[in-house]
PDB file of all heavy atoms in Angstrom:
ATOM      1  N   HIS A   1     -37.947 -21.240  87.792  1.00  0.00           N
ATOM      2  CA  HIS A   1     -38.083 -20.091  88.707  1.00  0.00           C
ATOM      3  C   HIS A   1     -39.547 -19.768  88.921  1.00  0.00           C
ATOM      4  O   HIS A   1     -40.324 -19.698  87.986  1.00  0.00           O
ATOM      5  CB  HIS A   1     -37.363 -18.887  88.124  1.00  0.00           C
ATOM      6  CG  HIS A   1     -37.530 -17.634  88.936  1.00  0.00           C
ATOM      7  ND1 HIS A   1     -36.953 -17.483  90.158  1.00  0.00           N
ATOM      8  CD2 HIS A   1     -38.249 -16.520  88.702  1.00  0.00           C
ATOM      9  CE1 HIS A   1     -37.292 -16.293  90.648  1.00  0.00           C
ATOM     10  NE2 HIS A   1     -38.085 -15.700  89.771  1.00  0.00           N
ATOM     11  N   ARG A   2     -39.909 -19.582  90.160  1.00  0.00           N
ATOM     12  CA  ARG A   2     -41.293 -19.252  90.505  1.00  0.00           C
ATOM     13  C   ARG A   2     -41.401 -17.787  90.862  1.00  0.00           C
ATOM     14  O   ARG A   2     -40.705 -17.317  91.753  1.00  0.00           O
ATOM     15  CB  ARG A   2     -41.728 -20.086  91.692  1.00  0.00           C
ATOM     16  CG  ARG A   2     -43.163 -20.477  91.636  1.00  0.00           C
ATOM     17  CD  ARG A   2     -43.480 -21.431  92.694  1.00  0.00           C
ATOM     18  NE  ARG A   2     -44.521 -20.801  93.510  1.00  0.00           N
ATOM     19  CZ  ARG A   2     -44.932 -21.247  94.662  1.00  0.00           C
ATOM     20  NH1 ARG A   2     -44.399 -22.296  95.197  1.00  0.00           N
ATOM     21  NH2 ARG A   2     -45.907 -20.634  95.276  1.00  0.00           N
ATOM     22  N   SER A   3     -42.234 -17.026  90.165  1.00  0.00           N
ATOM     23  CA  SER A   3     -42.445 -15.630  90.462  1.00  0.00           C
ATOM     24  C   SER A   3     -43.263 -15.483  91.746  1.00  0.00           C
ATOM     25  O   SER A   3     -44.167 -16.254  91.985  1.00  0.00           O
ATOM     26  CB  SER A   3     -43.172 -14.957  89.285  1.00  0.00           C
ATOM     27  OG  SER A   3     -43.397 -13.610  89.574  1.00  0.00           O
ATOM     28  N   ARG A   4     -42.927 -14.482  92.548  1.00  0.00           N
ATOM     29  CA  ARG A   4     -43.627 -14.273  93.817  1.00  0.00           C
ATOM     30  C   ARG A   4     -44.114 -12.819  93.902  1.00  0.00           C
ATOM     31  O   ARG A   4     -43.544 -11.925  93.303  1.00  0.00           O
ATOM     32  CB  ARG A   4     -42.712 -14.561  94.994  1.00  0.00           C
ATOM     33  CG  ARG A   4     -42.272 -16.001  95.027  1.00  0.00           C
ATOM     34  CD  ARG A   4     -41.464 -16.363  96.217  1.00  0.00           C
ATOM     35  NE  ARG A   4     -40.938 -15.219  96.946  1.00  0.00           N
ATOM     36  CZ  ARG A   4     -40.007 -15.295  97.849  1.00  0.00           C
ATOM     37  NH1 ARG A   4     -39.482 -16.434  98.143  1.00  0.00           N
ATOM     38  NH2 ARG A   4     -39.557 -14.229  98.464  1.00  0.00           N
ATOM     39  N   ILE A   5     -45.118 -12.614  94.678  1.00  0.00           N
ATOM     40  CA  ILE A   5     -45.628 -11.272  94.930  1.00  0.00           C
ATOM     41  C   ILE A   5     -44.574 -10.487  95.707  1.00  0.00           C
ATOM     42  O   ILE A   5     -44.006 -10.994  96.682  1.00  0.00           O
ATOM     43  CB  ILE A   5     -46.949 -11.306  95.708  1.00  0.00           C
ATOM     44  CG1 ILE A   5     -48.030 -11.941  94.851  1.00  0.00           C
ATOM     45  CG2 ILE A   5     -47.350  -9.926  96.190  1.00  0.00           C
ATOM     46  CD1 ILE A   5     -49.336 -12.188  95.598  1.00  0.00           C
ATOM     47  N   ILE A   6     -44.334  -9.254  95.289  1.00  0.00           N
ATOM     48  CA  ILE A   6     -43.365  -8.393  95.967  1.00  0.00           C
ATOM     49  C   ILE A   6     -44.052  -7.594  97.051  1.00  0.00           C
ATOM     50  O   ILE A   6     -43.559  -7.445  98.154  1.00  0.00           O
ATOM     51  CB  ILE A   6     -42.669  -7.476  94.953  1.00  0.00           C
ATOM     52  CG1 ILE A   6     -41.880  -8.311  93.950  1.00  0.00           C
ATOM     53  CG2 ILE A   6     -41.775  -6.468  95.670  1.00  0.00           C
ATOM     54  CD1 ILE A   6     -41.377  -7.527  92.769  1.00  0.00           C
ATOM     55  N   ARG A   7     -45.227  -7.069  96.724  1.00  0.00           N
ATOM     56  CA  ARG A   7     -46.003  -6.305  97.717  1.00  0.00           C
ATOM     57  C   ARG A   7     -47.440  -6.197  97.239  1.00  0.00           C
ATOM     58  O   ARG A   7     -47.733  -6.428  96.076  1.00  0.00           O
ATOM     59  CB  ARG A   7     -45.424  -4.912  97.941  1.00  0.00           C
ATOM     60  CG  ARG A   7     -45.581  -3.958  96.758  1.00  0.00           C
ATOM     61  CD  ARG A   7     -44.908  -2.626  97.010  1.00  0.00           C
ATOM     62  NE  ARG A   7     -44.928  -1.827  95.813  1.00  0.00           N
ATOM     63  CZ  ARG A   7     -45.758  -0.826  95.603  1.00  0.00           C
ATOM     64  NH1 ARG A   7     -46.610  -0.460  96.533  1.00  0.00           N
ATOM     65  NH2 ARG A   7     -45.718  -0.139  94.472  1.00  0.00           N
ATOM     66  N   PHE A   8     -48.336  -5.852  98.131  1.00  0.00           N
ATOM     67  CA  PHE A   8     -49.736  -5.639  97.798  1.00  0.00           C
ATOM     68  C   PHE A   8     -49.873  -4.155  97.535  1.00  0.00           C
ATOM     69  O   PHE A   8     -49.798  -3.351  98.468  1.00  0.00           O
ATOM     70  CB  PHE A   8     -50.594  -6.097  98.989  1.00  0.00           C
ATOM     71  CG  PHE A   8     -52.079  -6.000  98.777  1.00  0.00           C
ATOM     72  CD1 PHE A   8     -52.922  -6.437  99.770  1.00  0.00           C
ATOM     73  CD2 PHE A   8     -52.638  -5.490  97.619  1.00  0.00           C
ATOM     74  CE1 PHE A   8     -54.316  -6.358  99.618  1.00  0.00           C
ATOM     75  CE2 PHE A   8     -54.012  -5.410  97.459  1.00  0.00           C
ATOM     76  CZ  PHE A   8     -54.841  -5.855  98.475  1.00  0.00           C
ATOM     77  N   ASP A   9     -50.079  -3.760  96.287  1.00  0.00           N
ATOM     78  CA  ASP A   9     -50.063  -2.342  95.933  1.00  0.00           C
ATOM     79  C   ASP A   9     -51.374  -1.612  96.257  1.00  0.00           C
ATOM     80  O   ASP A   9     -51.337  -0.575  96.906  1.00  0.00           O
ATOM     81  CB  ASP A   9     -49.769  -2.170  94.439  1.00  0.00           C
ATOM     82  CG  ASP A   9     -49.615  -0.713  94.067  1.00  0.00           C
ATOM     83  OD1 ASP A   9     -48.595  -0.117  94.472  1.00  0.00           O
ATOM     84  OD2 ASP A   9     -50.543  -0.168  93.441  1.00  0.00           O
ATOM     85  N   HIS A  10     -52.504  -2.120  95.788  1.00  0.00           N
ATOM     86  CA  HIS A  10     -53.755  -1.406  96.056  1.00  0.00           C
ATOM     87  C   HIS A  10     -54.942  -2.316  95.852  1.00  0.00           C
ATOM     88  O   HIS A  10     -54.845  -3.368  95.216  1.00  0.00           O
ATOM     89  CB  HIS A  10     -53.887  -0.160  95.202  1.00  0.00           C
ATOM     90  CG  HIS A  10     -54.144  -0.422  93.752  1.00  0.00           C
ATOM     91  ND1 HIS A  10     -53.123  -0.668  92.860  1.00  0.00           N
ATOM     92  CD2 HIS A  10     -55.292  -0.474  93.036  1.00  0.00           C
ATOM     93  CE1 HIS A  10     -53.636  -0.863  91.664  1.00  0.00           C
ATOM     94  NE2 HIS A  10     -54.971  -0.769  91.733  1.00  0.00           N
ATOM     95  N   VAL A  11     -56.092  -1.877  96.336  1.00  0.00           N
ATOM     96  CA  VAL A  11     -57.361  -2.535  96.093  1.00  0.00           C
ATOM     97  C   VAL A  11     -58.270  -1.473  95.472  1.00  0.00           C
ATOM     98  O   VAL A  11     -58.213  -0.293  95.859  1.00  0.00           O
ATOM     99  CB  VAL A  11     -57.974  -3.111  97.403  1.00  0.00           C
ATOM    100  CG1 VAL A  11     -58.283  -2.053  98.418  1.00  0.00           C
ATOM    101  CG2 VAL A  11     -59.211  -3.927  97.106  1.00  0.00           C
ATOM    102  N   GLY A  12     -59.081  -1.876  94.512  1.00  0.00           N
ATOM    103  CA  GLY A  12     -59.972  -0.932  93.839  1.00  0.00           C
ATOM    104  C   GLY A  12     -61.399  -1.066  94.314  1.00  0.00           C
ATOM    105  O   GLY A  12     -61.879  -2.197  94.532  1.00  0.00           O
ATOM    106  N   VAL A  13     -62.052   0.063  94.507  1.00  0.00           N
ATOM    107  CA  VAL A  13     -63.439   0.084  94.958  1.00  0.00           C
ATOM    108  C   VAL A  13     -64.205   1.036  94.062  1.00  0.00           C
ATOM    109  O   VAL A  13     -63.821   2.201  93.913  1.00  0.00           O
ATOM    110  CB  VAL A  13     -63.552   0.562  96.432  1.00  0.00           C
ATOM    111  CG1 VAL A  13     -65.000   0.550  96.902  1.00  0.00           C
ATOM    112  CG2 VAL A  13     -62.669  -0.284  97.358  1.00  0.00           C
ATOM    113  N   THR A  14     -65.281   0.557  93.438  1.00  0.00           N
ATOM    114  CA  THR A  14     -66.124   1.409  92.611  1.00  0.00           C
ATOM    115  C   THR A  14     -67.179   2.062  93.488  1.00  0.00           C
ATOM    116  O   THR A  14     -67.864   1.389  94.268  1.00  0.00           O
ATOM    117  CB  THR A  14     -66.796   0.586  91.490  1.00  0.00           C
ATOM    118  OG1 THR A  14     -65.770  -0.049  90.705  1.00  0.00           O
ATOM    119  CG2 THR A  14     -67.647   1.471  90.576  1.00  0.00           C
ATOM    120  N   VAL A  15     -67.307   3.389  93.365  1.00  0.00           N
ATOM    121  CA  VAL A  15     -68.210   4.156  94.218  1.00  0.00           C
ATOM    122  C   VAL A  15     -69.059   5.083  93.349  1.00  0.00           C
ATOM    123  O   VAL A  15     -68.742   5.380  92.211  1.00  0.00           O
ATOM    124  CB  VAL A  15     -67.420   4.989  95.249  1.00  0.00           C
ATOM    125  CG1 VAL A  15     -66.556   4.082  96.123  1.00  0.00           C
ATOM    126  CG2 VAL A  15     -66.565   6.061  94.607  1.00  0.00           C
ATOM    127  N   ARG A  16     -70.170   5.536  93.913  1.00  0.00           N
ATOM    128  CA  ARG A  16     -71.025   6.469  93.183  1.00  0.00           C
ATOM    129  C   ARG A  16     -70.554   7.904  93.398  1.00  0.00           C
ATOM    130  O   ARG A  16     -70.430   8.677  92.466  1.00  0.00           O
ATOM    131  CB  ARG A  16     -72.481   6.342  93.646  1.00  0.00           C
ATOM    132  CG  ARG A  16     -73.408   7.324  92.909  1.00  0.00           C
ATOM    133  CD  ARG A  16     -74.858   7.003  93.039  1.00  0.00           C
ATOM    134  NE  ARG A  16     -75.228   5.651  92.657  1.00  0.00           N
ATOM    135  CZ  ARG A  16     -75.330   5.210  91.403  1.00  0.00           C
ATOM    136  NH1 ARG A  16     -75.072   6.009  90.404  1.00  0.00           N
ATOM    137  NH2 ARG A  16     -75.681   3.979  91.165  1.00  0.00           N
ATOM    138  N   ASN A  17     -70.290   8.295  94.629  1.00  0.00           N
ATOM    139  CA  ASN A  17     -69.926   9.683  94.945  1.00  0.00           C
ATOM    140  C   ASN A  17     -68.443   9.729  95.351  1.00  0.00           C
ATOM    141  O   ASN A  17     -68.085   9.523  96.508  1.00  0.00           O
ATOM    142  CB  ASN A  17     -70.800  10.213  96.080  1.00  0.00           C
ATOM    143  CG  ASN A  17     -70.584  11.690  96.321  1.00  0.00           C
ATOM    144  OD1 ASN A  17     -69.475  12.194  96.250  1.00  0.00           O
ATOM    145  ND2 ASN A  17     -71.653  12.396  96.661  1.00  0.00           N
ATOM    146  N   LEU A  18     -67.607  10.017  94.382  1.00  0.00           N
ATOM    147  CA  LEU A  18     -66.151   9.981  94.587  1.00  0.00           C
ATOM    148  C   LEU A  18     -65.708  10.955  95.673  1.00  0.00           C
ATOM    149  O   LEU A  18     -64.888  10.588  96.529  1.00  0.00           O
ATOM    150  CB  LEU A  18     -65.474  10.314  93.263  1.00  0.00           C
ATOM    151  CG  LEU A  18     -64.018   9.928  93.106  1.00  0.00           C
ATOM    152  CD1 LEU A  18     -63.799   8.439  93.274  1.00  0.00           C
ATOM    153  CD2 LEU A  18     -63.497  10.373  91.726  1.00  0.00           C
ATOM    154  N   ASP A  19     -66.213  12.166  95.675  1.00  0.00           N
ATOM    155  CA  ASP A  19     -65.777  13.162  96.664  1.00  0.00           C
ATOM    156  C   ASP A  19     -66.168  12.774  98.086  1.00  0.00           C
ATOM    157  O   ASP A  19     -65.393  12.927  99.030  1.00  0.00           O
ATOM    158  CB  ASP A  19     -66.342  14.531  96.322  1.00  0.00           C
ATOM    159  CG  ASP A  19     -65.711  15.126  95.062  1.00  0.00           C
ATOM    160  OD1 ASP A  19     -64.497  14.864  94.834  1.00  0.00           O
ATOM    161  OD2 ASP A  19     -66.412  15.801  94.310  1.00  0.00           O
ATOM    162  N   HIS A  20     -67.375  12.235  98.236  1.00  0.00           N
ATOM    163  CA  HIS A  20     -67.843  11.833  99.559  1.00  0.00           C
ATOM    164  C   HIS A  20     -66.996  10.681 100.113  1.00  0.00           C
ATOM    165  O   HIS A  20     -66.567  10.722 101.280  1.00  0.00           O
ATOM    166  CB  HIS A  20     -69.318  11.416  99.474  1.00  0.00           C
ATOM    167  CG  HIS A  20     -69.930  11.028 100.750  1.00  0.00           C
ATOM    168  ND1 HIS A  20     -70.321  11.952 101.706  1.00  0.00           N
ATOM    169  CD2 HIS A  20     -70.210   9.817 101.265  1.00  0.00           C
ATOM    170  CE1 HIS A  20     -70.811  11.313 102.736  1.00  0.00           C
ATOM    171  NE2 HIS A  20     -70.761  10.005 102.511  1.00  0.00           N
ATOM    172  N   VAL A  21     -66.738   9.690  99.303  1.00  0.00           N
ATOM    173  CA  VAL A  21     -65.968   8.517  99.753  1.00  0.00           C
ATOM    174  C   VAL A  21     -64.500   8.905  99.967  1.00  0.00           C
ATOM    175  O   VAL A  21     -63.860   8.463 100.914  1.00  0.00           O
ATOM    176  CB  VAL A  21     -66.119   7.336  98.783  1.00  0.00           C
ATOM    177  CG1 VAL A  21     -65.289   6.143  99.240  1.00  0.00           C
ATOM    178  CG2 VAL A  21     -67.595   6.947  98.668  1.00  0.00           C
ATOM    179  N   ARG A  22     -63.955   9.757  99.101  1.00  0.00           N
ATOM    180  CA  ARG A  22     -62.581  10.239  99.293  1.00  0.00           C
ATOM    181  C   ARG A  22     -62.462  10.938 100.629  1.00  0.00           C
ATOM    182  O   ARG A  22     -61.539  10.669 101.413  1.00  0.00           O
ATOM    183  CB  ARG A  22     -62.188  11.204  98.174  1.00  0.00           C
ATOM    184  CG  ARG A  22     -60.770  11.772  98.370  1.00  0.00           C
ATOM    185  CD  ARG A  22     -60.541  13.067  97.581  1.00  0.00           C
ATOM    186  NE  ARG A  22     -61.623  14.033  97.707  1.00  0.00           N
ATOM    187  CZ  ARG A  22     -61.791  14.871  98.743  1.00  0.00           C
ATOM    188  NH1 ARG A  22     -60.957  14.865  99.765  1.00  0.00           N
ATOM    189  NH2 ARG A  22     -62.804  15.708  98.764  1.00  0.00           N
ATOM    190  N   ALA A  23     -63.423  11.808 100.965  1.00  0.00           N
ATOM    191  CA  ALA A  23     -63.396  12.510 102.239  1.00  0.00           C
ATOM    192  C   ALA A  23     -63.443  11.554 103.420  1.00  0.00           C
ATOM    193  O   ALA A  23     -62.769  11.770 104.441  1.00  0.00           O
ATOM    194  CB  ALA A  23     -64.546  13.512 102.312  1.00  0.00           C
ATOM    195  N   PHE A  24     -64.222  10.502 103.304  1.00  0.00           N
ATOM    196  CA  PHE A  24     -64.310   9.488 104.367  1.00  0.00           C
ATOM    197  C   PHE A  24     -62.923   8.866 104.620  1.00  0.00           C
ATOM    198  O   PHE A  24     -62.449   8.814 105.763  1.00  0.00           O
ATOM    199  CB  PHE A  24     -65.303   8.397 103.975  1.00  0.00           C
ATOM    200  CG  PHE A  24     -65.321   7.231 104.914  1.00  0.00           C
ATOM    201  CD1 PHE A  24     -66.083   7.278 106.086  1.00  0.00           C
ATOM    202  CD2 PHE A  24     -64.588   6.078 104.639  1.00  0.00           C
ATOM    203  CE1 PHE A  24     -66.093   6.203 106.960  1.00  0.00           C
ATOM    204  CE2 PHE A  24     -64.590   5.007 105.518  1.00  0.00           C
ATOM    205  CZ  PHE A  24     -65.368   5.052 106.687  1.00  0.00           C
ATOM    206  N   PHE A  25     -62.244   8.427 103.569  1.00  0.00           N
ATOM    207  CA  PHE A  25     -60.945   7.788 103.733  1.00  0.00           C
ATOM    208  C   PHE A  25     -59.859   8.775 104.150  1.00  0.00           C
ATOM    209  O   PHE A  25     -58.970   8.432 104.946  1.00  0.00           O
ATOM    210  CB  PHE A  25     -60.540   7.031 102.481  1.00  0.00           C
ATOM    211  CG  PHE A  25     -61.243   5.732 102.329  1.00  0.00           C
ATOM    212  CD1 PHE A  25     -62.194   5.545 101.323  1.00  0.00           C
ATOM    213  CD2 PHE A  25     -60.972   4.651 103.170  1.00  0.00           C
ATOM    214  CE1 PHE A  25     -62.858   4.318 101.173  1.00  0.00           C
ATOM    215  CE2 PHE A  25     -61.633   3.440 103.040  1.00  0.00           C
ATOM    216  CZ  PHE A  25     -62.589   3.271 102.050  1.00  0.00           C
ATOM    217  N   VAL A  26     -59.916  10.002 103.648  1.00  0.00           N
ATOM    218  CA  VAL A  26     -58.956  11.016 104.079  1.00  0.00           C
ATOM    219  C   VAL A  26     -59.149  11.291 105.575  1.00  0.00           C
ATOM    220  O   VAL A  26     -58.177  11.455 106.326  1.00  0.00           O
ATOM    221  CB  VAL A  26     -59.096  12.296 103.229  1.00  0.00           C
ATOM    222  CG1 VAL A  26     -58.349  13.462 103.859  1.00  0.00           C
ATOM    223  CG2 VAL A  26     -58.560  12.034 101.817  1.00  0.00           C
ATOM    224  N   GLY A  27     -60.416  11.287 106.019  1.00  0.00           N
ATOM    225  CA  GLY A  27     -60.698  11.464 107.445  1.00  0.00           C
ATOM    226  C   GLY A  27     -60.105  10.370 108.325  1.00  0.00           C
ATOM    227  O   GLY A  27     -59.759  10.590 109.472  1.00  0.00           O
ATOM    228  N   LEU A  28     -59.958   9.190 107.752  1.00  0.00           N
ATOM    229  CA  LEU A  28     -59.311   8.077 108.491  1.00  0.00           C
ATOM    230  C   LEU A  28     -57.789   8.213 108.517  1.00  0.00           C
ATOM    231  O   LEU A  28     -57.133   7.545 109.292  1.00  0.00           O
ATOM    232  CB  LEU A  28     -59.668   6.731 107.854  1.00  0.00           C
ATOM    233  CG  LEU A  28     -61.082   6.232 108.057  1.00  0.00           C
ATOM    234  CD1 LEU A  28     -61.292   4.949 107.264  1.00  0.00           C
ATOM    235  CD2 LEU A  28     -61.405   6.017 109.521  1.00  0.00           C
ATOM    236  N   GLY A  29     -57.262   9.051 107.617  1.00  0.00           N
ATOM    237  CA  GLY A  29     -55.810   9.261 107.606  1.00  0.00           C
ATOM    238  C   GLY A  29     -55.115   8.895 106.317  1.00  0.00           C
ATOM    239  O   GLY A  29     -53.899   9.051 106.202  1.00  0.00           O
ATOM    240  N   LEU A  30     -55.859   8.398 105.318  1.00  0.00           N
ATOM    241  CA  LEU A  30     -55.240   8.124 104.034  1.00  0.00           C
ATOM    242  C   LEU A  30     -54.939   9.448 103.343  1.00  0.00           C
ATOM    243  O   LEU A  30     -55.590  10.465 103.586  1.00  0.00           O
ATOM    244  CB  LEU A  30     -56.142   7.261 103.156  1.00  0.00           C
ATOM    245  CG  LEU A  30     -56.390   5.829 103.633  1.00  0.00           C
ATOM    246  CD1 LEU A  30     -57.268   5.091 102.627  1.00  0.00           C
ATOM    247  CD2 LEU A  30     -55.116   5.079 103.868  1.00  0.00           C
ATOM    248  N   GLU A  31     -53.962   9.437 102.465  1.00  0.00           N
ATOM    249  CA  GLU A  31     -53.569  10.638 101.741  1.00  0.00           C
ATOM    250  C   GLU A  31     -53.824  10.466 100.255  1.00  0.00           C
ATOM    251  O   GLU A  31     -53.642   9.381  99.699  1.00  0.00           O
ATOM    252  CB  GLU A  31     -52.077  10.919 101.971  1.00  0.00           C
ATOM    253  CG  GLU A  31     -51.774  11.151 103.456  1.00  0.00           C
ATOM    254  CD  GLU A  31     -50.278  11.219 103.756  1.00  0.00           C
ATOM    255  OE1 GLU A  31     -49.451  10.880 102.867  1.00  0.00           O
ATOM    256  OE2 GLU A  31     -49.957  11.637 104.889  1.00  0.00           O
ATOM    257  N   VAL A  32     -54.273  11.535  99.608  1.00  0.00           N
ATOM    258  CA  VAL A  32     -54.551  11.510  98.163  1.00  0.00           C
ATOM    259  C   VAL A  32     -53.209  11.497  97.428  1.00  0.00           C
ATOM    260  O   VAL A  32     -52.401  12.404  97.577  1.00  0.00           O
ATOM    261  CB  VAL A  32     -55.391  12.705  97.719  1.00  0.00           C
ATOM    262  CG1 VAL A  32     -55.574  12.708  96.202  1.00  0.00           C
ATOM    263  CG2 VAL A  32     -56.758  12.694  98.419  1.00  0.00           C
ATOM    264  N   GLU A  33     -53.015  10.454  96.623  1.00  0.00           N
ATOM    265  CA  GLU A  33     -51.807  10.346  95.821  1.00  0.00           C
ATOM    266  C   GLU A  33     -52.012  10.967  94.448  1.00  0.00           C
ATOM    267  O   GLU A  33     -51.096  11.480  93.835  1.00  0.00           O
ATOM    268  CB  GLU A  33     -51.445   8.874  95.696  1.00  0.00           C
ATOM    269  CG  GLU A  33     -50.151   8.610  94.938  1.00  0.00           C
ATOM    270  CD  GLU A  33     -49.822   7.136  94.918  1.00  0.00           C
ATOM    271  OE1 GLU A  33     -50.327   6.401  94.045  1.00  0.00           O
ATOM    272  OE2 GLU A  33     -49.039   6.706  95.794  1.00  0.00           O
ATOM    273  N   GLY A  34     -53.250  10.903  93.953  1.00  0.00           N
ATOM    274  CA  GLY A  34     -53.522  11.478  92.645  1.00  0.00           C
ATOM    275  C   GLY A  34     -54.986  11.282  92.265  1.00  0.00           C
ATOM    276  O   GLY A  34     -55.695  10.492  92.862  1.00  0.00           O
ATOM    277  N   ARG A  35     -55.407  12.053  91.269  1.00  0.00           N
ATOM    278  CA  ARG A  35     -56.790  11.974  90.776  1.00  0.00           C
ATOM    279  C   ARG A  35     -56.745  12.220  89.272  1.00  0.00           C
ATOM    280  O   ARG A  35     -56.085  13.157  88.821  1.00  0.00           O
ATOM    281  CB  ARG A  35     -57.661  13.028  91.488  1.00  0.00           C
ATOM    282  CG  ARG A  35     -59.103  12.970  91.099  1.00  0.00           C
ATOM    283  CD  ARG A  35     -59.926  13.904  91.977  1.00  0.00           C
ATOM    284  NE  ARG A  35     -61.351  13.782  91.670  1.00  0.00           N
ATOM    285  CZ  ARG A  35     -62.296  14.035  92.539  1.00  0.00           C
ATOM    286  NH1 ARG A  35     -62.008  14.444  93.759  1.00  0.00           N
ATOM    287  NH2 ARG A  35     -63.560  13.894  92.192  1.00  0.00           N
ATOM    288  N   THR A  36     -57.466  11.367  88.514  1.00  0.00           N
ATOM    289  CA  THR A  36     -57.440  11.530  87.065  1.00  0.00           C
ATOM    290  C   THR A  36     -58.619  10.802  86.428  1.00  0.00           C
ATOM    291  O   THR A  36     -59.314   9.998  87.094  1.00  0.00           O
ATOM    292  CB  THR A  36     -56.120  10.971  86.469  1.00  0.00           C
ATOM    293  OG1 THR A  36     -56.017  11.360  85.110  1.00  0.00           O
ATOM    294  CG2 THR A  36     -56.031   9.462  86.601  1.00  0.00           C
ATOM    295  N   PHE A  37     -58.861  11.095  85.155  1.00  0.00           N
ATOM    296  CA  PHE A  37     -59.826  10.374  84.354  1.00  0.00           C
ATOM    297  C   PHE A  37     -59.062   9.332  83.536  1.00  0.00           C
ATOM    298  O   PHE A  37     -57.942   9.571  83.109  1.00  0.00           O
ATOM    299  CB  PHE A  37     -60.578  11.291  83.403  1.00  0.00           C
ATOM    300  CG  PHE A  37     -61.597  12.144  84.089  1.00  0.00           C
ATOM    301  CD1 PHE A  37     -61.278  13.415  84.541  1.00  0.00           C
ATOM    302  CD2 PHE A  37     -62.878  11.673  84.296  1.00  0.00           C
ATOM    303  CE1 PHE A  37     -62.219  14.211  85.182  1.00  0.00           C
ATOM    304  CE2 PHE A  37     -63.833  12.457  84.949  1.00  0.00           C
ATOM    305  CZ  PHE A  37     -63.502  13.724  85.384  1.00  0.00           C
ATOM    306  N   VAL A  38     -59.691   8.162  83.345  1.00  0.00           N
ATOM    307  CA  VAL A  38     -59.102   7.116  82.534  1.00  0.00           C
ATOM    308  C   VAL A  38     -60.139   6.651  81.518  1.00  0.00           C
ATOM    309  O   VAL A  38     -61.297   6.446  81.865  1.00  0.00           O
ATOM    310  CB  VAL A  38     -58.651   5.924  83.410  1.00  0.00           C
ATOM    311  CG1 VAL A  38     -58.042   4.826  82.561  1.00  0.00           C
ATOM    312  CG2 VAL A  38     -57.691   6.376  84.498  1.00  0.00           C
ATOM    313  N   GLU A  39     -59.698   6.499  80.281  1.00  0.00           N
ATOM    314  CA  GLU A  39     -60.558   5.953  79.235  1.00  0.00           C
ATOM    315  C   GLU A  39     -59.662   5.410  78.118  1.00  0.00           C
ATOM    316  O   GLU A  39     -58.458   5.598  78.142  1.00  0.00           O
ATOM    317  CB  GLU A  39     -61.517   7.011  78.690  1.00  0.00           C
ATOM    318  CG  GLU A  39     -60.846   8.190  78.003  1.00  0.00           C
ATOM    319  CD  GLU A  39     -61.860   9.265  77.611  1.00  0.00           C
ATOM    320  OE1 GLU A  39     -62.962   8.922  77.160  1.00  0.00           O
ATOM    321  OE2 GLU A  39     -61.515  10.452  77.734  1.00  0.00           O
ATOM    322  N   GLY A  40     -60.275   4.705  77.185  1.00  0.00           N
ATOM    323  CA  GLY A  40     -59.509   4.191  76.071  1.00  0.00           C
ATOM    324  C   GLY A  40     -59.390   2.681  76.101  1.00  0.00           C
ATOM    325  O   GLY A  40     -60.005   1.981  76.895  1.00  0.00           O
ATOM    326  N   GLU A  41     -58.534   2.188  75.204  1.00  0.00           N
ATOM    327  CA  GLU A  41     -58.414   0.749  74.988  1.00  0.00           C
ATOM    328  C   GLU A  41     -58.029  -0.008  76.257  1.00  0.00           C
ATOM    329  O   GLU A  41     -58.562  -1.077  76.555  1.00  0.00           O
ATOM    330  CB  GLU A  41     -57.402   0.471  73.895  1.00  0.00           C
ATOM    331  CG  GLU A  41     -57.264  -1.005  73.540  1.00  0.00           C
ATOM    332  CD  GLU A  41     -56.236  -1.241  72.426  1.00  0.00           C
ATOM    333  OE1 GLU A  41     -55.829  -0.276  71.762  1.00  0.00           O
ATOM    334  OE2 GLU A  41     -55.877  -2.416  72.277  1.00  0.00           O
ATOM    335  N   PHE A  42     -57.079   0.548  77.054  1.00  0.00           N
ATOM    336  CA  PHE A  42     -56.646  -0.158  78.274  1.00  0.00           C
ATOM    337  C   PHE A  42     -57.823  -0.345  79.209  1.00  0.00           C
ATOM    338  O   PHE A  42     -58.081  -1.461  79.674  1.00  0.00           O
ATOM    339  CB  PHE A  42     -55.517   0.620  78.970  1.00  0.00           C
ATOM    340  CG  PHE A  42     -55.200   0.057  80.321  1.00  0.00           C
ATOM    341  CD1 PHE A  42     -54.468  -1.129  80.446  1.00  0.00           C
ATOM    342  CD2 PHE A  42     -55.645   0.673  81.481  1.00  0.00           C
ATOM    343  CE1 PHE A  42     -54.175  -1.651  81.696  1.00  0.00           C
ATOM    344  CE2 PHE A  42     -55.382   0.155  82.728  1.00  0.00           C
ATOM    345  CZ  PHE A  42     -54.632  -1.011  82.834  1.00  0.00           C
ATOM    346  N   LEU A  43     -58.553   0.703  79.500  1.00  0.00           N
ATOM    347  CA  LEU A  43     -59.694   0.601  80.428  1.00  0.00           C
ATOM    348  C   LEU A  43     -60.776  -0.331  79.870  1.00  0.00           C
ATOM    349  O   LEU A  43     -61.309  -1.156  80.611  1.00  0.00           O
ATOM    350  CB  LEU A  43     -60.278   1.975  80.735  1.00  0.00           C
ATOM    351  CG  LEU A  43     -61.406   1.996  81.757  1.00  0.00           C
ATOM    352  CD1 LEU A  43     -60.935   1.503  83.132  1.00  0.00           C
ATOM    353  CD2 LEU A  43     -62.008   3.380  81.872  1.00  0.00           C
ATOM    354  N   ASP A  44     -61.070  -0.169  78.587  1.00  0.00           N
ATOM    355  CA  ASP A  44     -62.075  -1.048  77.965  1.00  0.00           C
ATOM    356  C   ASP A  44     -61.685  -2.513  78.122  1.00  0.00           C
ATOM    357  O   ASP A  44     -62.551  -3.376  78.359  1.00  0.00           O
ATOM    358  CB  ASP A  44     -62.245  -0.714  76.482  1.00  0.00           C
ATOM    359  CG  ASP A  44     -62.823   0.669  76.252  1.00  0.00           C
ATOM    360  OD1 ASP A  44     -63.213   1.349  77.228  1.00  0.00           O
ATOM    361  OD2 ASP A  44     -62.879   1.079  75.064  1.00  0.00           O
ATOM    362  N   THR A  45     -60.394  -2.811  78.004  1.00  0.00           N
ATOM    363  CA  THR A  45     -59.901  -4.183  78.097  1.00  0.00           C
ATOM    364  C   THR A  45     -59.974  -4.706  79.536  1.00  0.00           C
ATOM    365  O   THR A  45     -60.504  -5.786  79.786  1.00  0.00           O
ATOM    366  CB  THR A  45     -58.465  -4.276  77.562  1.00  0.00           C
ATOM    367  OG1 THR A  45     -58.447  -3.855  76.214  1.00  0.00           O
ATOM    368  CG2 THR A  45     -57.946  -5.711  77.669  1.00  0.00           C
TER     369      THR A  45
END
């Protein structure tokens, strides 16, 4: 059995000014799904 991609979920972009870039994309029509801090073993890995 060959596993296949079901859907393209997201692309990640590292930015310096989160609020400025968020406002740019919201202005284009994207919607904020969530905002949070991430740290720990998972992120380090």
